[in-house]
PDB file of N, CA and C in Angstrom:
ATOM      1  N   MET A   1     -85.555  18.542  70.309  1.00  0.00           N
ATOM      2  CA  MET A   1     -85.636  18.279  69.025  1.00  0.00           C
ATOM      3  C   MET A   1     -86.819  18.000  68.359  1.00  0.00           C
ATOM      4  N   ALA A   2     -86.675  18.565  67.456  1.00  0.00           N
ATOM      5  CA  ALA A   2     -87.958  18.394  66.562  1.00  0.00           C
ATOM      6  C   ALA A   2     -87.779  17.501  64.927  1.00  0.00           C
ATOM      7  N   THR A   3     -88.723  17.176  64.450  1.00  0.00           N
ATOM      8  CA  THR A   3     -88.293  16.859  63.274  1.00  0.00           C
ATOM      9  C   THR A   3     -89.166  17.260  61.970  1.00  0.00           C
ATOM     10  N   GLN A   4     -88.751  17.752  61.169  1.00  0.00           N
ATOM     11  CA  GLN A   4     -89.611  18.365  59.739  1.00  0.00           C
ATOM     12  C   GLN A   4     -89.614  17.344  58.628  1.00  0.00           C
ATOM     13  N   LYS A   5     -90.544  17.169  57.825  1.00  0.00           N
ATOM     14  CA  LYS A   5     -90.586  16.543  56.709  1.00  0.00           C
ATOM     15  C   LYS A   5     -90.544  17.247  55.520  1.00  0.00           C
ATOM     16  N   LEU A   6     -89.836  17.012  54.406  1.00  0.00           N
ATOM     17  CA  LEU A   6     -89.962  17.610  53.363  1.00  0.00           C
ATOM     18  C   LEU A   6     -90.356  17.161  52.260  1.00  0.00           C
ATOM     19  N   ASP A   7     -91.126  17.268  51.560  1.00  0.00           N
ATOM     20  CA  ASP A   7     -91.526  16.404  50.287  1.00  0.00           C
ATOM     21  C   ASP A   7     -91.156  16.818  48.702  1.00  0.00           C
ATOM     22  N   ALA A   8     -90.147  16.257  48.610  1.00  0.00           N
ATOM     23  CA  ALA A   8     -89.607  16.865  46.915  1.00  0.00           C
ATOM     24  C   ALA A   8     -89.757  15.982  45.782  1.00  0.00           C
ATOM     25  N   LEU A   9     -90.672  15.121  45.985  1.00  0.00           N
ATOM     26  CA  LEU A   9     -91.358  14.129  44.967  1.00  0.00           C
ATOM     27  C   LEU A   9     -91.163  15.087  43.921  1.00  0.00           C
ATOM     28  N   GLY A  10     -90.846  14.672  42.757  1.00  0.00           N
ATOM     29  CA  GLY A  10     -91.237  15.351  41.474  1.00  0.00           C
ATOM     30  C   GLY A  10     -90.702  16.457  41.032  1.00  0.00           C
ATOM     31  N   LEU A  11     -89.782  17.186  41.775  1.00  0.00           N
ATOM     32  CA  LEU A  11     -88.534  17.873  41.398  1.00  0.00           C
ATOM     33  C   LEU A  11     -87.604  17.532  40.801  1.00  0.00           C
ATOM     34  N   LYS A  12     -86.493  18.028  40.085  1.00  0.00           N
ATOM     35  CA  LYS A  12     -85.557  17.641  39.677  1.00  0.00           C
ATOM     36  C   LYS A  12     -84.567  18.773  40.152  1.00  0.00           C
ATOM     37  N   CYS A  13     -83.030  18.144  39.860  1.00  0.00           N
ATOM     38  CA  CYS A  13     -81.839  18.311  40.182  1.00  0.00           C
ATOM     39  C   CYS A  13     -81.713  20.203  39.803  1.00  0.00           C
ATOM     40  N   PRO A  14     -81.324  21.109  40.401  1.00  0.00           N
ATOM     41  CA  PRO A  14     -81.039  21.257  42.039  1.00  0.00           C
ATOM     42  C   PRO A  14     -82.400  21.669  42.737  1.00  0.00           C
ATOM     43  N   GLN A  15     -83.916  21.769  42.358  1.00  0.00           N
ATOM     44  CA  GLN A  15     -84.915  21.879  43.165  1.00  0.00           C
ATOM     45  C   GLN A  15     -84.954  21.397  44.686  1.00  0.00           C
ATOM     46  N   PRO A  16     -84.367  19.599  44.820  1.00  0.00           N
ATOM     47  CA  PRO A  16     -84.832  19.174  45.968  1.00  0.00           C
ATOM     48  C   PRO A  16     -83.501  19.957  47.106  1.00  0.00           C
ATOM     49  N   ILE A  17     -82.204  20.089  46.768  1.00  0.00           N
ATOM     50  CA  ILE A  17     -81.149  20.636  47.731  1.00  0.00           C
ATOM     51  C   ILE A  17     -81.453  21.949  47.852  1.00  0.00           C
ATOM     52  N   LEU A  18     -82.135  22.451  47.189  1.00  0.00           N
ATOM     53  CA  LEU A  18     -82.645  23.932  47.236  1.00  0.00           C
ATOM     54  C   LEU A  18     -83.596  24.085  48.071  1.00  0.00           C
ATOM     55  N   LYS A  19     -84.636  22.901  48.274  1.00  0.00           N
ATOM     56  CA  LYS A  19     -85.408  23.186  48.898  1.00  0.00           C
ATOM     57  C   LYS A  19     -84.962  23.059  50.283  1.00  0.00           C
ATOM     58  N   VAL A  20     -83.941  21.859  50.477  1.00  0.00           N
ATOM     59  CA  VAL A  20     -83.411  21.824  51.819  1.00  0.00           C
ATOM     60  C   VAL A  20     -82.806  22.865  52.714  1.00  0.00           C
ATOM     61  N   VAL A  21     -82.139  23.565  51.545  1.00  0.00           N
ATOM     62  CA  VAL A  21     -81.247  25.017  51.834  1.00  0.00           C
ATOM     63  C   VAL A  21     -82.215  26.246  52.383  1.00  0.00           C
ATOM     64  N   ALA A  22     -83.510  25.900  51.524  1.00  0.00           N
ATOM     65  CA  ALA A  22     -84.468  27.184  52.396  1.00  0.00           C
ATOM     66  C   ALA A  22     -85.215  26.531  53.273  1.00  0.00           C
ATOM     67  N   LEU A  23     -85.150  25.585  54.084  1.00  0.00           N
ATOM     68  CA  LEU A  23     -85.240  25.040  55.356  1.00  0.00           C
ATOM     69  C   LEU A  23     -84.564  25.624  56.287  1.00  0.00           C
ATOM     70  N   ILE A  24     -83.006  25.113  56.027  1.00  0.00           N
ATOM     71  CA  ILE A  24     -82.434  25.006  57.588  1.00  0.00           C
ATOM     72  C   ILE A  24     -82.469  25.930  58.157  1.00  0.00           C
ATOM     73  N   PRO A  25     -82.641  27.358  57.806  1.00  0.00           N
ATOM     74  CA  PRO A  25     -82.617  28.707  58.761  1.00  0.00           C
ATOM     75  C   PRO A  25     -84.131  28.605  59.539  1.00  0.00           C
ATOM     76  N   THR A  26     -85.218  27.623  59.319  1.00  0.00           N
ATOM     77  CA  THR A  26     -86.157  27.730  60.474  1.00  0.00           C
ATOM     78  C   THR A  26     -85.847  26.656  61.194  1.00  0.00           C
ATOM     79  N   MET A  27     -84.806  25.862  61.479  1.00  0.00           N
ATOM     80  CA  MET A  27     -84.773  24.740  62.361  1.00  0.00           C
ATOM     81  C   MET A  27     -83.752  25.043  63.311  1.00  0.00           C
ATOM     82  N   ASN A  28     -83.544  24.092  64.156  1.00  0.00           N
ATOM     83  CA  ASN A  28     -82.637  24.598  65.286  1.00  0.00           C
ATOM     84  C   ASN A  28     -81.537  23.376  65.408  1.00  0.00           C
ATOM     85  N   ALA A  29     -80.492  23.447  65.960  1.00  0.00           N
ATOM     86  CA  ALA A  29     -79.609  23.164  66.117  1.00  0.00           C
ATOM     87  C   ALA A  29     -79.847  21.382  66.898  1.00  0.00           C
ATOM     88  N   GLY A  30     -79.582  20.362  66.196  1.00  0.00           N
ATOM     89  CA  GLY A  30     -80.341  18.958  66.609  1.00  0.00           C
ATOM     90  C   GLY A  30     -81.315  18.725  65.966  1.00  0.00           C
ATOM     91  N   ASP A  31     -81.989  19.348  65.089  1.00  0.00           N
ATOM     92  CA  ASP A  31     -83.275  19.016  64.311  1.00  0.00           C
ATOM     93  C   ASP A  31     -83.047  18.039  63.355  1.00  0.00           C
ATOM     94  N   ILE A  32     -84.101  17.131  62.906  1.00  0.00           N
ATOM     95  CA  ILE A  32     -83.490  16.221  62.069  1.00  0.00           C
ATOM     96  C   ILE A  32     -84.708  16.590  60.889  1.00  0.00           C
ATOM     97  N   LEU A  33     -84.254  16.813  59.978  1.00  0.00           N
ATOM     98  CA  LEU A  33     -84.829  16.731  58.490  1.00  0.00           C
ATOM     99  C   LEU A  33     -85.118  15.396  57.293  1.00  0.00           C
ATOM    100  N   GLU A  34     -86.313  15.321  57.370  1.00  0.00           N
ATOM    101  CA  GLU A  34     -86.331  14.225  56.397  1.00  0.00           C
ATOM    102  C   GLU A  34     -87.141  13.997  55.043  1.00  0.00           C
ATOM    103  N   VAL A  35     -86.842  13.887  54.116  1.00  0.00           N
ATOM    104  CA  VAL A  35     -86.636  14.271  53.143  1.00  0.00           C
ATOM    105  C   VAL A  35     -86.888  13.033  52.166  1.00  0.00           C
ATOM    106  N   GLU A  36     -88.106  13.242  51.236  1.00  0.00           N
ATOM    107  CA  GLU A  36     -88.472  12.008  50.062  1.00  0.00           C
ATOM    108  C   GLU A  36     -88.185  12.941  48.949  1.00  0.00           C
ATOM    109  N   ALA A  37     -87.291  12.018  47.935  1.00  0.00           N
ATOM    110  CA  ALA A  37     -86.970  12.688  46.728  1.00  0.00           C
ATOM    111  C   ALA A  37     -87.147  12.016  45.597  1.00  0.00           C
ATOM    112  N   ASP A  38     -87.122  11.790  44.500  1.00  0.00           N
ATOM    113  CA  ASP A  38     -87.369  11.070  43.285  1.00  0.00           C
ATOM    114  C   ASP A  38     -86.297  11.406  42.173  1.00  0.00           C
ATOM    115  N   CYS A  39     -85.654  12.107  42.165  1.00  0.00           N
ATOM    116  CA  CYS A  39     -84.512  13.111  41.280  1.00  0.00           C
ATOM    117  C   CYS A  39     -83.492  11.647  41.577  1.00  0.00           C
ATOM    118  N   PRO A  40     -82.637  11.362  40.091  1.00  0.00           N
ATOM    119  CA  PRO A  40     -82.121  10.602  40.460  1.00  0.00           C
ATOM    120  C   PRO A  40     -80.588  10.889  41.138  1.00  0.00           C
ATOM    121  N   SER A  41     -80.268  12.003  41.077  1.00  0.00           N
ATOM    122  CA  SER A  41     -78.839  12.372  41.439  1.00  0.00           C
ATOM    123  C   SER A  41     -79.258  13.046  42.747  1.00  0.00           C
ATOM    124  N   PHE A  42     -80.164  12.647  43.595  1.00  0.00           N
ATOM    125  CA  PHE A  42     -80.320  13.334  44.825  1.00  0.00           C
ATOM    126  C   PHE A  42     -79.717  12.615  45.921  1.00  0.00           C
ATOM    127  N   PRO A  43     -79.710  11.220  45.763  1.00  0.00           N
ATOM    128  CA  PRO A  43     -78.481  10.695  46.549  1.00  0.00           C
ATOM    129  C   PRO A  43     -77.103  11.521  46.896  1.00  0.00           C
ATOM    130  N   PRO A  44     -76.297  11.038  45.750  1.00  0.00           N
ATOM    131  CA  PRO A  44     -75.061  11.923  45.983  1.00  0.00           C
ATOM    132  C   PRO A  44     -74.858  13.443  45.923  1.00  0.00           C
ATOM    133  N   ASP A  45     -76.202  13.813  45.696  1.00  0.00           N
ATOM    134  CA  ASP A  45     -76.229  15.287  46.147  1.00  0.00           C
ATOM    135  C   ASP A  45     -75.894  15.687  47.559  1.00  0.00           C
ATOM    136  N   ILE A  46     -76.963  15.052  48.378  1.00  0.00           N
ATOM    137  CA  ILE A  46     -77.335  15.657  49.206  1.00  0.00           C
ATOM    138  C   ILE A  46     -76.062  14.955  50.362  1.00  0.00           C
ATOM    139  N   LYS A  47     -75.426  14.039  49.945  1.00  0.00           N
ATOM    140  CA  LYS A  47     -74.342  13.201  50.407  1.00  0.00           C
ATOM    141  C   LYS A  47     -73.358  14.223  50.312  1.00  0.00           C
ATOM    142  N   ALA A  48     -72.722  14.983  49.107  1.00  0.00           N
ATOM    143  CA  ALA A  48     -71.887  16.143  49.155  1.00  0.00           C
ATOM    144  C   ALA A  48     -72.722  17.356  49.807  1.00  0.00           C
ATOM    145  N   TRP A  49     -73.550  17.533  49.639  1.00  0.00           N
ATOM    146  CA  TRP A  49     -74.015  19.116  50.431  1.00  0.00           C
ATOM    147  C   TRP A  49     -73.700  18.932  52.068  1.00  0.00           C
ATOM    148  N   CYS A  50     -74.039  18.038  52.173  1.00  0.00           N
ATOM    149  CA  CYS A  50     -74.128  17.372  53.835  1.00  0.00           C
ATOM    150  C   CYS A  50     -72.622  17.426  54.397  1.00  0.00           C
ATOM    151  N   GLY A  51     -71.665  17.132  53.586  1.00  0.00           N
ATOM    152  CA  GLY A  51     -70.478  16.926  53.669  1.00  0.00           C
ATOM    153  C   GLY A  51     -69.341  18.568  53.580  1.00  0.00           C
ATOM    154  N   LYS A  52     -70.105  19.218  52.725  1.00  0.00           N
ATOM    155  CA  LYS A  52     -69.532  20.701  52.417  1.00  0.00           C
ATOM    156  C   LYS A  52     -70.248  21.638  53.738  1.00  0.00           C
ATOM    157  N   THR A  53     -71.459  20.873  54.071  1.00  0.00           N
ATOM    158  CA  THR A  53     -71.896  22.028  55.280  1.00  0.00           C
ATOM    159  C   THR A  53     -72.110  21.805  56.558  1.00  0.00           C
ATOM    160  N   GLY A  54     -71.377  20.386  56.837  1.00  0.00           N
ATOM    161  CA  GLY A  54     -70.763  20.005  58.345  1.00  0.00           C
ATOM    162  C   GLY A  54     -72.369  19.379  58.802  1.00  0.00           C
ATOM    163  N   LYS A  55     -73.029  19.137  58.317  1.00  0.00           N
ATOM    164  CA  LYS A  55     -74.609  18.715  58.374  1.00  0.00           C
ATOM    165  C   LYS A  55     -74.331  17.197  58.552  1.00  0.00           C
ATOM    166  N   THR A  56     -74.924  16.455  59.588  1.00  0.00           N
ATOM    167  CA  THR A  56     -75.027  14.585  59.613  1.00  0.00           C
ATOM    168  C   THR A  56     -76.107  13.958  58.905  1.00  0.00           C
ATOM    169  N   LEU A  57     -75.761  13.355  57.659  1.00  0.00           N
ATOM    170  CA  LEU A  57     -76.795  12.519  57.191  1.00  0.00           C
ATOM    171  C   LEU A  57     -76.733  11.387  57.858  1.00  0.00           C
ATOM    172  N   LEU A  58     -77.896  11.273  58.349  1.00  0.00           N
ATOM    173  CA  LEU A  58     -78.053   9.683  59.378  1.00  0.00           C
ATOM    174  C   LEU A  58     -78.284   8.851  58.472  1.00  0.00           C
ATOM    175  N   MET A  59     -78.740   8.896  57.081  1.00  0.00           N
ATOM    176  CA  MET A  59     -79.738   7.731  56.237  1.00  0.00           C
ATOM    177  C   MET A  59     -79.805   8.064  55.306  1.00  0.00           C
ATOM    178  N   CYS A  60     -79.637   7.426  54.264  1.00  0.00           N
ATOM    179  CA  CYS A  60     -79.957   7.838  52.935  1.00  0.00           C
ATOM    180  C   CYS A  60     -80.032   6.599  52.260  1.00  0.00           C
ATOM    181  N   SER A  61     -81.595   6.373  51.681  1.00  0.00           N
ATOM    182  CA  SER A  61     -81.984   5.034  50.850  1.00  0.00           C
ATOM    183  C   SER A  61     -82.637   4.984  50.043  1.00  0.00           C
ATOM    184  N   THR A  62     -82.969   4.008  49.092  1.00  0.00           N
ATOM    185  CA  THR A  62     -83.630   4.203  47.914  1.00  0.00           C
ATOM    186  C   THR A  62     -84.646   2.820  47.605  1.00  0.00           C
ATOM    187  N   ASP A  63     -85.668   2.907  47.279  1.00  0.00           N
ATOM    188  CA  ASP A  63     -86.722   2.061  47.405  1.00  0.00           C
ATOM    189  C   ASP A  63     -86.646   1.253  45.857  1.00  0.00           C
ATOM    190  N   ALA A  64     -87.410   0.425  45.802  1.00  0.00           N
ATOM    191  CA  ALA A  64     -87.492  -0.240  44.261  1.00  0.00           C
ATOM    192  C   ALA A  64     -88.008   0.194  43.386  1.00  0.00           C
ATOM    193  N   ASN A  65     -88.888   1.411  43.755  1.00  0.00           N
ATOM    194  CA  ASN A  65     -89.379   2.563  42.858  1.00  0.00           C
ATOM    195  C   ASN A  65     -88.780   3.773  42.471  1.00  0.00           C
ATOM    196  N   GLY A  66     -87.385   3.829  43.158  1.00  0.00           N
ATOM    197  CA  GLY A  66     -86.789   5.068  42.860  1.00  0.00           C
ATOM    198  C   GLY A  66     -86.912   6.433  44.026  1.00  0.00           C
ATOM    199  N   LYS A  67     -87.599   6.021  44.797  1.00  0.00           N
ATOM    200  CA  LYS A  67     -88.137   7.252  45.819  1.00  0.00           C
ATOM    201  C   LYS A  67     -86.887   7.042  46.857  1.00  0.00           C
ATOM    202  N   HIS A  68     -85.992   7.988  46.897  1.00  0.00           N
ATOM    203  CA  HIS A  68     -84.983   8.066  47.789  1.00  0.00           C
ATOM    204  C   HIS A  68     -85.859   8.814  49.343  1.00  0.00           C
ATOM    205  N   SER A  69     -85.158   8.466  50.226  1.00  0.00           N
ATOM    206  CA  SER A  69     -85.348   9.239  51.793  1.00  0.00           C
ATOM    207  C   SER A  69     -84.159   9.375  52.190  1.00  0.00           C
ATOM    208  N   ALA A  70     -83.944  10.403  53.132  1.00  0.00           N
ATOM    209  CA  ALA A  70     -82.654  11.193  53.705  1.00  0.00           C
ATOM    210  C   ALA A  70     -83.364  11.386  55.085  1.00  0.00           C
ATOM    211  N   GLN A  71     -82.488  11.642  56.330  1.00  0.00           N
ATOM    212  CA  GLN A  71     -82.476  12.016  57.207  1.00  0.00           C
ATOM    213  C   GLN A  71     -81.426  12.766  57.525  1.00  0.00           C
ATOM    214  N   ILE A  72     -81.375  13.909  57.924  1.00  0.00           N
ATOM    215  CA  ILE A  72     -80.516  15.110  58.106  1.00  0.00           C
ATOM    216  C   ILE A  72     -80.307  15.426  59.172  1.00  0.00           C
ATOM    217  N   GLN A  73     -79.547  15.634  59.712  1.00  0.00           N
ATOM    218  CA  GLN A  73     -79.374  16.101  61.539  1.00  0.00           C
ATOM    219  C   GLN A  73     -78.862  17.448  61.115  1.00  0.00           C
ATOM    220  N   ILE A  74     -79.206  18.645  61.510  1.00  0.00           N
ATOM    221  CA  ILE A  74     -78.876  19.570  61.710  1.00  0.00           C
ATOM    222  C   ILE A  74     -78.018  20.013  62.583  1.00  0.00           C
TER     223      ILE A  74
END
């Protein structure tokens, strides 16, 4: 199991999700994708995307500066 990081800071909807979608084919089942984003709609978007695709959202949090961090198990 490997961990890959994606910096989506500065990107606006739908770019963070599109970047996630582009990385998925390069990853193996069980791998973890760590995403950082500051798009306001990222938390509900990534939760909805995980629900639709069957990927596991391990965590999604937002810091005081509005930066979102998510971990997705592929």
